[in-house]
Amino acid sequence: VHVVESGGGLVQPGGSLRLSCAASGFTFRSYRMSWYRQAPGKERELVAAITAVGGNTNYADSVKGRFTISRDNAKNTVSLQMNSLKPEDTAVYYCQADWGRSYWGQGTQVTVSS
């Protein structure tokens, strides 16, 4: 099983980033896919999730209207489009696949700073 995030980096406040997560080794289309983040000294928190069937989404209140999660079951990928980024969005972002058991990626750093 492989879950690999990419797309992190340094961006100025108000800017945008697009994170991608590539998965293999399991039946991707059957798994709920989520993005979590963990800032220094804080617990890991759910940012956004998308269901396996129907593609229903849910978001943390702090990112609603700014972030968009999407998935491509043909390519086994899930993305997180992040707009209007704020310094408080700075964290390591993790991709998670869940269907009874969970698989996690290693994370990608997002830093929002001027």
N, C-alpha and C. Protein backbone atom coordinates (compact mmCIF):
# COMPACT_ATOMS: atom_id res chain seq x y z
N VAL A 1 0.85 -1.20 0.00
CA VAL A 1 0.00 0.00 0.00
C VAL A 1 0.88 1.24 0.00
N HIS A 2 0.53 2.17 -0.87
CA HIS A 2 1.25 3.44 -0.93
C HIS A 2 0.25 4.58 -0.97
N VAL A 3 0.50 5.56 -0.11
CA VAL A 3 -0.27 6.80 -0.09
C VAL A 3 0.75 7.92 -0.05
N VAL A 4 0.81 8.71 -1.10
CA VAL A 4 1.88 9.71 -1.23
C VAL A 4 1.30 11.08 -1.53
N GLU A 5 1.58 12.03 -0.65
CA GLU A 5 1.13 13.40 -0.84
C GLU A 5 2.19 14.21 -1.57
N SER A 6 1.73 15.23 -2.28
CA SER A 6 2.63 16.17 -2.94
C SER A 6 1.92 17.51 -3.07
N GLY A 7 2.72 18.53 -3.39
CA GLY A 7 2.15 19.84 -3.67
C GLY A 7 2.30 20.87 -2.58
N GLY A 8 2.86 20.48 -1.44
CA GLY A 8 3.06 21.45 -0.38
C GLY A 8 4.15 22.45 -0.72
N GLY A 9 4.27 23.46 0.13
CA GLY A 9 5.30 24.46 -0.09
C GLY A 9 5.04 25.71 0.71
N LEU A 10 5.78 26.75 0.34
CA LEU A 10 5.66 28.05 1.00
C LEU A 10 4.81 28.98 0.12
N VAL A 11 3.83 29.61 0.72
CA VAL A 11 2.96 30.51 -0.03
C VAL A 11 2.62 31.71 0.85
N GLN A 12 2.40 32.84 0.22
CA GLN A 12 2.04 34.05 0.96
C GLN A 12 0.57 34.01 1.36
N PRO A 13 0.23 34.71 2.43
CA PRO A 13 -1.19 34.81 2.80
C PRO A 13 -2.03 35.29 1.63
N GLY A 14 -3.17 34.66 1.46
CA GLY A 14 -4.04 34.98 0.34
C GLY A 14 -3.78 34.16 -0.90
N GLY A 15 -2.70 33.41 -0.88
CA GLY A 15 -2.33 32.61 -2.04
C GLY A 15 -3.05 31.27 -2.08
N SER A 16 -2.67 30.46 -3.07
CA SER A 16 -3.31 29.16 -3.28
C SER A 16 -2.27 28.06 -3.44
N LEU A 17 -2.68 26.87 -3.06
CA LEU A 17 -1.89 25.67 -3.30
C LEU A 17 -2.85 24.53 -3.63
N ARG A 18 -2.35 23.58 -4.37
CA ARG A 18 -3.15 22.38 -4.66
C ARG A 18 -2.35 21.16 -4.21
N LEU A 19 -2.87 20.45 -3.26
CA LEU A 19 -2.24 19.22 -2.78
C LEU A 19 -2.83 18.03 -3.55
N SER A 20 -1.98 17.06 -3.80
CA SER A 20 -2.42 15.82 -4.45
C SER A 20 -1.99 14.63 -3.62
N CYS A 21 -2.78 13.59 -3.72
CA CYS A 21 -2.48 12.34 -3.02
C CYS A 21 -2.67 11.20 -4.00
N ALA A 22 -1.61 10.44 -4.22
CA ALA A 22 -1.66 9.29 -5.12
C ALA A 22 -1.66 8.02 -4.28
N ALA A 23 -2.58 7.12 -4.59
CA ALA A 23 -2.72 5.90 -3.79
C ALA A 23 -2.62 4.66 -4.66
N SER A 24 -2.12 3.60 -4.07
CA SER A 24 -2.05 2.32 -4.78
C SER A 24 -2.01 1.19 -3.76
N GLY A 25 -2.33 0.01 -4.23
CA GLY A 25 -2.25 -1.16 -3.37
C GLY A 25 -3.54 -1.53 -2.67
N PHE A 26 -4.59 -0.79 -2.93
CA PHE A 26 -5.90 -1.11 -2.36
C PHE A 26 -6.97 -0.60 -3.33
N THR A 27 -8.21 -0.99 -3.07
CA THR A 27 -9.32 -0.63 -3.96
C THR A 27 -9.75 0.80 -3.66
N PHE A 28 -9.07 1.73 -4.29
CA PHE A 28 -9.23 3.15 -4.00
C PHE A 28 -10.69 3.59 -4.01
N ARG A 29 -11.45 3.14 -5.00
CA ARG A 29 -12.81 3.65 -5.17
C ARG A 29 -13.72 3.25 -4.01
N SER A 30 -13.31 2.30 -3.20
CA SER A 30 -14.13 1.85 -2.08
C SER A 30 -13.83 2.61 -0.79
N TYR A 31 -12.81 3.45 -0.82
CA TYR A 31 -12.34 4.10 0.40
C TYR A 31 -12.79 5.55 0.48
N ARG A 32 -13.23 5.93 1.64
CA ARG A 32 -13.41 7.34 1.97
C ARG A 32 -12.01 7.96 2.04
N MET A 33 -11.85 9.11 1.41
CA MET A 33 -10.55 9.78 1.39
C MET A 33 -10.66 11.10 2.13
N SER A 34 -9.64 11.37 2.91
CA SER A 34 -9.66 12.57 3.75
C SER A 34 -8.30 13.25 3.73
N TRP A 35 -8.34 14.54 4.03
CA TRP A 35 -7.13 15.32 4.32
C TRP A 35 -7.20 15.76 5.77
N TYR A 36 -6.12 15.52 6.48
CA TYR A 36 -5.94 15.98 7.84
C TYR A 36 -4.75 16.92 7.87
N ARG A 37 -4.63 17.66 8.93
CA ARG A 37 -3.45 18.50 9.11
C ARG A 37 -3.05 18.52 10.58
N GLN A 38 -1.78 18.77 10.79
CA GLN A 38 -1.27 18.87 12.15
C GLN A 38 -0.26 20.01 12.22
N ALA A 39 -0.60 20.99 13.01
CA ALA A 39 0.29 22.13 13.24
C ALA A 39 1.16 21.84 14.46
N PRO A 40 2.31 22.49 14.56
CA PRO A 40 3.20 22.26 15.70
C PRO A 40 2.48 22.47 17.03
N GLY A 41 2.59 21.49 17.91
CA GLY A 41 1.99 21.61 19.23
C GLY A 41 0.49 21.37 19.29
N LYS A 42 -0.08 21.00 18.15
CA LYS A 42 -1.52 20.78 18.11
C LYS A 42 -1.84 19.35 17.68
N GLU A 43 -3.06 18.92 17.95
CA GLU A 43 -3.49 17.60 17.53
C GLU A 43 -3.83 17.60 16.04
N ARG A 44 -3.74 16.43 15.46
CA ARG A 44 -4.13 16.28 14.07
C ARG A 44 -5.64 16.50 13.95
N GLU A 45 -6.04 17.25 12.93
CA GLU A 45 -7.46 17.55 12.75
C GLU A 45 -7.90 17.26 11.33
N LEU A 46 -9.18 16.90 11.21
CA LEU A 46 -9.76 16.66 9.90
C LEU A 46 -9.98 17.98 9.18
N VAL A 47 -9.53 18.06 7.95
CA VAL A 47 -9.72 19.25 7.13
C VAL A 47 -10.87 19.07 6.16
N ALA A 48 -10.86 17.95 5.43
CA ALA A 48 -11.89 17.70 4.43
C ALA A 48 -11.94 16.21 4.15
N ALA A 49 -13.12 15.75 3.75
CA ALA A 49 -13.30 14.34 3.43
C ALA A 49 -14.27 14.20 2.26
N ILE A 50 -14.11 13.09 1.53
CA ILE A 50 -14.99 12.81 0.40
C ILE A 50 -15.33 11.32 0.43
N THR A 51 -16.60 11.00 0.31
CA THR A 51 -17.03 9.62 0.43
C THR A 51 -16.66 8.81 -0.82
N ALA A 52 -16.70 7.49 -0.63
CA ALA A 52 -16.38 6.60 -1.74
C ALA A 52 -17.50 6.59 -2.77
N VAL A 53 -18.74 6.54 -2.27
CA VAL A 53 -19.91 6.49 -3.15
C VAL A 53 -20.61 7.83 -3.11
N GLY A 54 -20.82 8.39 -4.25
CA GLY A 54 -21.54 9.65 -4.32
C GLY A 54 -20.66 10.88 -4.25
N GLY A 55 -19.46 10.70 -3.73
CA GLY A 55 -18.54 11.84 -3.66
C GLY A 55 -19.03 12.96 -2.77
N ASN A 56 -19.76 12.61 -1.72
CA ASN A 56 -20.20 13.65 -0.78
C ASN A 56 -19.00 14.16 0.02
N THR A 57 -19.02 15.46 0.29
CA THR A 57 -17.88 16.09 0.95
C THR A 57 -18.29 16.74 2.27
N ASN A 58 -17.33 16.86 3.15
CA ASN A 58 -17.52 17.66 4.34
C ASN A 58 -16.20 18.34 4.70
N TYR A 59 -16.30 19.48 5.36
CA TYR A 59 -15.15 20.32 5.63
C TYR A 59 -15.15 20.82 7.07
N ALA A 60 -13.96 21.06 7.57
CA ALA A 60 -13.84 21.75 8.85
C ALA A 60 -14.37 23.16 8.68
N ASP A 61 -14.98 23.69 9.71
CA ASP A 61 -15.54 25.04 9.62
C ASP A 61 -14.48 26.06 9.23
N SER A 62 -13.26 25.83 9.67
CA SER A 62 -12.19 26.80 9.44
C SER A 62 -11.77 26.90 7.97
N VAL A 63 -12.15 25.92 7.15
CA VAL A 63 -11.72 25.95 5.75
C VAL A 63 -12.89 26.02 4.78
N LYS A 64 -14.11 25.98 5.28
CA LYS A 64 -15.28 26.02 4.40
C LYS A 64 -15.25 27.28 3.54
N GLY A 65 -15.53 27.08 2.25
CA GLY A 65 -15.53 28.20 1.32
C GLY A 65 -14.17 28.53 0.76
N ARG A 66 -13.11 27.95 1.32
CA ARG A 66 -11.75 28.22 0.84
C ARG A 66 -11.09 26.97 0.25
N PHE A 67 -11.38 25.82 0.80
CA PHE A 67 -10.77 24.56 0.35
C PHE A 67 -11.80 23.71 -0.38
N THR A 68 -11.33 22.95 -1.36
CA THR A 68 -12.19 22.03 -2.09
C THR A 68 -11.48 20.69 -2.25
N ILE A 69 -12.14 19.63 -1.82
CA ILE A 69 -11.61 18.29 -1.99
C ILE A 69 -12.27 17.63 -3.19
N SER A 70 -11.49 16.86 -3.94
CA SER A 70 -12.04 16.14 -5.09
C SER A 70 -11.26 14.84 -5.26
N ARG A 71 -11.85 13.90 -5.98
CA ARG A 71 -11.19 12.63 -6.21
C ARG A 71 -11.37 12.19 -7.65
N ASP A 72 -10.41 11.42 -8.13
CA ASP A 72 -10.45 10.83 -9.46
C ASP A 72 -10.23 9.33 -9.29
N ASN A 73 -11.31 8.58 -9.31
CA ASN A 73 -11.19 7.13 -9.07
C ASN A 73 -10.48 6.40 -10.21
N ALA A 74 -10.47 7.00 -11.39
CA ALA A 74 -9.77 6.39 -12.52
C ALA A 74 -8.26 6.49 -12.34
N LYS A 75 -7.82 7.54 -11.66
CA LYS A 75 -6.38 7.77 -11.47
C LYS A 75 -5.92 7.46 -10.05
N ASN A 76 -6.85 7.06 -9.19
CA ASN A 76 -6.52 6.77 -7.79
C ASN A 76 -5.87 7.97 -7.10
N THR A 77 -6.47 9.12 -7.30
CA THR A 77 -5.93 10.33 -6.70
C THR A 77 -7.04 11.13 -5.99
N VAL A 78 -6.61 11.87 -5.00
CA VAL A 78 -7.49 12.82 -4.33
C VAL A 78 -6.71 14.12 -4.19
N SER A 79 -7.41 15.23 -4.37
CA SER A 79 -6.76 16.54 -4.36
C SER A 79 -7.43 17.45 -3.34
N LEU A 80 -6.67 18.43 -2.93
CA LEU A 80 -7.20 19.47 -2.05
C LEU A 80 -6.77 20.82 -2.62
N GLN A 81 -7.72 21.54 -3.16
CA GLN A 81 -7.46 22.90 -3.65
C GLN A 81 -7.64 23.86 -2.50
N MET A 82 -6.59 24.60 -2.19
CA MET A 82 -6.62 25.51 -1.06
C MET A 82 -6.45 26.95 -1.55
N ASN A 83 -7.46 27.75 -1.34
CA ASN A 83 -7.43 29.15 -1.75
C ASN A 83 -7.50 30.06 -0.53
N SER A 84 -7.17 31.31 -0.74
CA SER A 84 -7.23 32.32 0.34
C SER A 84 -6.54 31.81 1.60
N LEU A 85 -5.34 31.30 1.42
CA LEU A 85 -4.63 30.70 2.54
C LEU A 85 -4.27 31.72 3.61
N LYS A 86 -4.30 31.24 4.84
CA LYS A 86 -4.01 32.07 6.01
C LYS A 86 -2.82 31.49 6.77
N PRO A 87 -2.13 32.30 7.55
CA PRO A 87 -1.02 31.76 8.34
C PRO A 87 -1.44 30.59 9.23
N GLU A 88 -2.65 30.61 9.70
CA GLU A 88 -3.12 29.52 10.56
C GLU A 88 -3.37 28.21 9.81
N ASP A 89 -3.26 28.24 8.49
CA ASP A 89 -3.34 27.00 7.71
C ASP A 89 -2.00 26.27 7.67
N THR A 90 -0.97 26.90 8.20
CA THR A 90 0.35 26.27 8.22
C THR A 90 0.32 24.98 9.04
N ALA A 91 0.74 23.90 8.41
CA ALA A 91 0.70 22.58 9.05
C ALA A 91 1.29 21.55 8.10
N VAL A 92 1.47 20.36 8.62
CA VAL A 92 1.74 19.21 7.76
C VAL A 92 0.39 18.62 7.39
N TYR A 93 0.18 18.43 6.11
CA TYR A 93 -1.09 17.91 5.62
C TYR A 93 -0.92 16.44 5.25
N TYR A 94 -1.86 15.64 5.73
CA TYR A 94 -1.82 14.19 5.53
C TYR A 94 -3.03 13.71 4.76
N CYS A 95 -2.81 12.74 3.91
CA CYS A 95 -3.88 12.08 3.18
C CYS A 95 -4.20 10.77 3.89
N GLN A 96 -5.49 10.49 4.03
CA GLN A 96 -5.92 9.25 4.68
C GLN A 96 -6.94 8.54 3.82
N ALA A 97 -6.78 7.21 3.72
CA ALA A 97 -7.77 6.35 3.09
C ALA A 97 -8.40 5.51 4.19
N ASP A 98 -9.71 5.44 4.21
CA ASP A 98 -10.38 4.72 5.30
C ASP A 98 -11.55 3.90 4.78
N TRP A 99 -11.53 2.61 5.16
CA TRP A 99 -12.68 1.73 4.90
C TRP A 99 -12.59 0.57 5.87
N GLY A 100 -12.83 0.89 7.12
CA GLY A 100 -12.63 -0.10 8.16
C GLY A 100 -11.23 -0.02 8.74
N ARG A 101 -10.25 -0.04 7.88
CA ARG A 101 -8.88 0.22 8.30
C ARG A 101 -8.39 1.44 7.56
N SER A 102 -7.36 2.05 8.14
CA SER A 102 -6.88 3.32 7.57
C SER A 102 -5.47 3.20 7.06
N TYR A 103 -5.21 3.93 5.98
CA TYR A 103 -3.87 4.08 5.45
C TYR A 103 -3.54 5.56 5.42
N TRP A 104 -2.31 5.89 5.80
CA TRP A 104 -1.88 7.27 5.88
C TRP A 104 -0.65 7.50 5.01
N GLY A 105 -0.55 8.71 4.49
CA GLY A 105 0.67 9.13 3.83
C GLY A 105 1.64 9.72 4.84
N GLN A 106 2.79 10.13 4.34
CA GLN A 106 3.84 10.69 5.19
C GLN A 106 3.66 12.18 5.45
N GLY A 107 2.81 12.81 4.68
CA GLY A 107 2.53 14.22 4.89
C GLY A 107 3.33 15.14 3.99
N THR A 108 2.78 16.32 3.79
CA THR A 108 3.46 17.36 3.02
C THR A 108 3.31 18.68 3.76
N GLN A 109 4.39 19.42 3.86
CA GLN A 109 4.39 20.67 4.64
C GLN A 109 3.78 21.81 3.83
N VAL A 110 2.88 22.52 4.46
CA VAL A 110 2.33 23.75 3.91
C VAL A 110 2.65 24.88 4.88
N THR A 111 3.32 25.90 4.37
CA THR A 111 3.68 27.06 5.19
C THR A 111 3.11 28.31 4.54
N VAL A 112 2.31 29.03 5.30
CA VAL A 112 1.71 30.26 4.81
C VAL A 112 2.33 31.41 5.59
N SER A 113 3.15 32.18 4.89
CA SER A 113 3.89 33.24 5.57
C SER A 113 4.34 34.29 4.56
N SER A 114 4.40 35.53 5.01
CA SER A 114 4.91 36.59 4.16
C SER A 114 6.40 36.79 4.39
